[in-house]
Amino acid sequence: MPAGLDALWRSGGTAVAVDDEAIMAEHRRPAAEGLLLEPSSAVASAVVRAQARTSGGLVVAVGTATGLKGLVG
């Protein structure tokens, strides 16, 4: 079983779906400040941003890749 899924189930956490528009907006937001995230890692960032506004609890996300690889040709 993938470690992320195991942690989700053991913690009683919540999985959240994110649409492509929100992913790409979050992909661009940190890039403007010099943090390059791959779109798949931007999903985690988008969810944290949304959940932190509405949740009174701990919000944890894991980003596993940077966008730097896409810049190197």
N, C-alpha and C. Protein backbone atom coordinates (compact mmCIF):
# COMPACT_ATOMS: atom_id res chain seq x y z
N MET A 1 0.85 -1.17 0.00
CA MET A 1 0.00 0.00 0.00
C MET A 1 0.90 1.24 0.00
N PRO A 2 0.57 2.24 -0.80
CA PRO A 2 1.36 3.48 -0.81
C PRO A 2 1.36 4.15 0.57
N ALA A 3 2.51 4.69 0.94
CA ALA A 3 2.66 5.30 2.27
C ALA A 3 1.69 6.46 2.48
N GLY A 4 1.44 7.26 1.45
CA GLY A 4 0.51 8.38 1.59
C GLY A 4 -0.90 7.92 1.89
N LEU A 5 -1.34 6.88 1.20
CA LEU A 5 -2.68 6.34 1.43
C LEU A 5 -2.78 5.71 2.81
N ASP A 6 -1.75 5.02 3.21
CA ASP A 6 -1.72 4.43 4.55
C ASP A 6 -1.83 5.52 5.62
N ALA A 7 -1.06 6.59 5.46
CA ALA A 7 -1.11 7.70 6.43
C ALA A 7 -2.49 8.34 6.45
N LEU A 8 -3.11 8.49 5.29
CA LEU A 8 -4.46 9.07 5.21
C LEU A 8 -5.44 8.23 6.01
N TRP A 9 -5.43 6.93 5.78
CA TRP A 9 -6.36 6.04 6.47
C TRP A 9 -6.09 5.97 7.96
N ARG A 10 -4.83 5.86 8.35
CA ARG A 10 -4.49 5.73 9.77
C ARG A 10 -4.80 7.00 10.56
N SER A 11 -4.70 8.15 9.90
CA SER A 11 -4.92 9.40 10.60
C SER A 11 -6.38 9.85 10.59
N GLY A 12 -7.21 9.17 9.79
CA GLY A 12 -8.59 9.62 9.66
C GLY A 12 -8.67 10.91 8.86
N GLY A 13 -7.67 11.12 8.00
CA GLY A 13 -7.58 12.35 7.21
C GLY A 13 -8.60 12.41 6.09
N THR A 14 -8.47 13.42 5.28
CA THR A 14 -9.40 13.68 4.18
C THR A 14 -8.63 13.86 2.88
N ALA A 15 -9.11 13.22 1.83
CA ALA A 15 -8.55 13.43 0.50
C ALA A 15 -9.42 14.47 -0.21
N VAL A 16 -8.79 15.32 -1.01
CA VAL A 16 -9.51 16.41 -1.66
C VAL A 16 -9.17 16.42 -3.14
N ALA A 17 -10.19 16.57 -3.99
CA ALA A 17 -9.97 16.69 -5.43
C ALA A 17 -9.75 18.17 -5.78
N VAL A 18 -8.88 18.42 -6.75
CA VAL A 18 -8.57 19.78 -7.18
C VAL A 18 -8.68 19.83 -8.70
N ASP A 19 -9.37 20.83 -9.23
CA ASP A 19 -9.51 20.92 -10.69
C ASP A 19 -8.27 21.52 -11.33
N ASP A 20 -8.16 21.33 -12.64
CA ASP A 20 -6.97 21.76 -13.37
C ASP A 20 -6.71 23.26 -13.25
N GLU A 21 -7.74 24.06 -13.26
CA GLU A 21 -7.58 25.51 -13.16
C GLU A 21 -6.92 25.90 -11.83
N ALA A 22 -7.37 25.30 -10.75
CA ALA A 22 -6.79 25.58 -9.43
C ALA A 22 -5.34 25.09 -9.35
N ILE A 23 -5.07 23.94 -9.96
CA ILE A 23 -3.71 23.41 -9.96
C ILE A 23 -2.76 24.36 -10.67
N MET A 24 -3.14 24.80 -11.85
CA MET A 24 -2.25 25.67 -12.62
C MET A 24 -2.11 27.05 -11.98
N ALA A 25 -3.16 27.55 -11.34
CA ALA A 25 -3.05 28.82 -10.63
C ALA A 25 -2.06 28.69 -9.48
N GLU A 26 -2.12 27.57 -8.77
CA GLU A 26 -1.19 27.35 -7.65
C GLU A 26 0.22 27.07 -8.17
N HIS A 27 0.33 26.50 -9.32
CA HIS A 27 1.63 26.26 -9.95
C HIS A 27 2.32 27.60 -10.26
N ARG A 28 1.55 28.58 -10.71
CA ARG A 28 2.11 29.90 -11.05
C ARG A 28 2.36 30.77 -9.82
N ARG A 29 1.54 30.67 -8.79
CA ARG A 29 1.65 31.55 -7.61
C ARG A 29 3.03 31.46 -6.95
N PRO A 30 3.50 30.30 -6.54
CA PRO A 30 4.83 30.27 -5.90
C PRO A 30 5.97 30.52 -6.89
N ALA A 31 5.74 30.21 -8.17
CA ALA A 31 6.78 30.46 -9.18
C ALA A 31 7.09 31.95 -9.26
N ALA A 32 6.08 32.78 -9.06
CA ALA A 32 6.28 34.23 -9.08
C ALA A 32 7.20 34.68 -7.95
N GLU A 33 7.33 33.85 -6.91
CA GLU A 33 8.20 34.15 -5.77
C GLU A 33 9.48 33.32 -5.79
N GLY A 34 9.71 32.58 -6.89
CA GLY A 34 10.94 31.82 -7.03
C GLY A 34 10.89 30.37 -6.59
N LEU A 35 9.72 29.86 -6.22
CA LEU A 35 9.59 28.46 -5.82
C LEU A 35 8.96 27.69 -6.97
N LEU A 36 9.73 26.83 -7.58
CA LEU A 36 9.24 26.08 -8.74
C LEU A 36 8.67 24.74 -8.30
N LEU A 37 7.37 24.58 -8.47
CA LEU A 37 6.70 23.32 -8.15
C LEU A 37 6.22 22.68 -9.44
N GLU A 38 6.33 21.38 -9.52
CA GLU A 38 5.71 20.64 -10.60
C GLU A 38 4.20 20.72 -10.35
N PRO A 39 3.37 20.74 -11.40
CA PRO A 39 1.92 20.82 -11.16
C PRO A 39 1.39 19.77 -10.19
N SER A 40 1.95 18.57 -10.20
CA SER A 40 1.46 17.55 -9.25
C SER A 40 1.72 17.96 -7.80
N SER A 41 2.81 18.65 -7.53
CA SER A 41 3.08 19.15 -6.18
C SER A 41 2.25 20.39 -5.87
N ALA A 42 1.88 21.13 -6.90
CA ALA A 42 1.04 22.30 -6.69
C ALA A 42 -0.35 21.90 -6.19
N VAL A 43 -0.77 20.67 -6.48
CA VAL A 43 -2.04 20.17 -5.95
C VAL A 43 -2.02 20.25 -4.42
N ALA A 44 -0.95 19.76 -3.83
CA ALA A 44 -0.83 19.77 -2.36
C ALA A 44 -0.87 21.19 -1.83
N SER A 45 -0.17 22.08 -2.49
CA SER A 45 -0.14 23.47 -2.06
C SER A 45 -1.52 24.12 -2.17
N ALA A 46 -2.24 23.83 -3.26
CA ALA A 46 -3.59 24.39 -3.45
C ALA A 46 -4.54 23.90 -2.36
N VAL A 47 -4.45 22.64 -2.02
CA VAL A 47 -5.33 22.08 -0.98
C VAL A 47 -5.00 22.68 0.37
N VAL A 48 -3.72 22.80 0.70
CA VAL A 48 -3.34 23.40 1.98
C VAL A 48 -3.86 24.82 2.08
N ARG A 49 -3.71 25.58 1.01
CA ARG A 49 -4.18 26.97 1.01
C ARG A 49 -5.70 27.03 1.28
N ALA A 50 -6.46 26.19 0.59
CA ALA A 50 -7.92 26.18 0.77
C ALA A 50 -8.33 25.65 2.13
N GLN A 51 -7.73 24.55 2.57
CA GLN A 51 -8.10 23.94 3.84
C GLN A 51 -7.69 24.80 5.03
N ALA A 52 -6.57 25.49 4.93
CA ALA A 52 -6.11 26.33 6.03
C ALA A 52 -7.09 27.47 6.30
N ARG A 53 -7.77 27.92 5.25
CA ARG A 53 -8.77 28.99 5.43
C ARG A 53 -10.01 28.51 6.16
N THR A 54 -10.38 27.23 5.96
CA THR A 54 -11.65 26.74 6.50
C THR A 54 -11.51 25.78 7.66
N SER A 55 -10.33 25.23 7.87
CA SER A 55 -10.13 24.22 8.89
C SER A 55 -9.55 24.84 10.14
N GLY A 56 -10.01 24.38 11.26
CA GLY A 56 -9.42 24.82 12.51
C GLY A 56 -8.31 23.88 12.95
N GLY A 57 -8.09 22.82 12.17
CA GLY A 57 -7.12 21.81 12.56
C GLY A 57 -5.84 21.86 11.75
N LEU A 58 -5.04 20.87 11.97
CA LEU A 58 -3.76 20.73 11.30
C LEU A 58 -3.98 20.34 9.84
N VAL A 59 -3.28 21.00 8.94
CA VAL A 59 -3.34 20.68 7.51
C VAL A 59 -1.94 20.31 7.07
N VAL A 60 -1.79 19.11 6.51
CA VAL A 60 -0.49 18.61 6.07
C VAL A 60 -0.58 18.22 4.60
N ALA A 61 0.40 18.61 3.83
CA ALA A 61 0.47 18.21 2.43
C ALA A 61 1.89 17.82 2.10
N VAL A 62 2.03 16.91 1.14
CA VAL A 62 3.34 16.46 0.72
C VAL A 62 3.52 16.78 -0.76
N GLY A 63 4.54 17.57 -1.05
CA GLY A 63 4.91 17.84 -2.44
C GLY A 63 6.17 17.05 -2.73
N THR A 64 6.18 16.33 -3.83
CA THR A 64 7.29 15.42 -4.08
C THR A 64 8.17 15.79 -5.26
N ALA A 65 7.87 16.88 -5.95
CA ALA A 65 8.68 17.21 -7.13
C ALA A 65 8.73 18.71 -7.34
N THR A 66 9.85 19.16 -7.90
CA THR A 66 9.99 20.56 -8.25
C THR A 66 9.75 20.74 -9.74
N GLY A 67 9.60 21.97 -10.15
CA GLY A 67 9.44 22.27 -11.56
C GLY A 67 10.75 22.48 -12.28
N LEU A 68 11.86 22.37 -11.57
CA LEU A 68 13.17 22.63 -12.15
C LEU A 68 13.50 21.68 -13.30
N LYS A 69 13.10 20.43 -13.17
CA LYS A 69 13.40 19.44 -14.21
C LYS A 69 12.83 19.89 -15.57
N GLY A 70 11.66 20.51 -15.56
CA GLY A 70 11.03 20.95 -16.80
C GLY A 70 11.75 22.10 -17.46
N LEU A 71 12.60 22.82 -16.72
CA LEU A 71 13.32 23.95 -17.27
C LEU A 71 14.62 23.54 -17.95
N VAL A 72 15.12 22.38 -17.60
CA VAL A 72 16.39 21.90 -18.14
C VAL A 72 16.09 21.09 -19.40
N GLY A 73 16.76 21.44 -20.50
CA GLY A 73 16.40 20.87 -21.76
C GLY A 73 17.11 19.70 -22.21
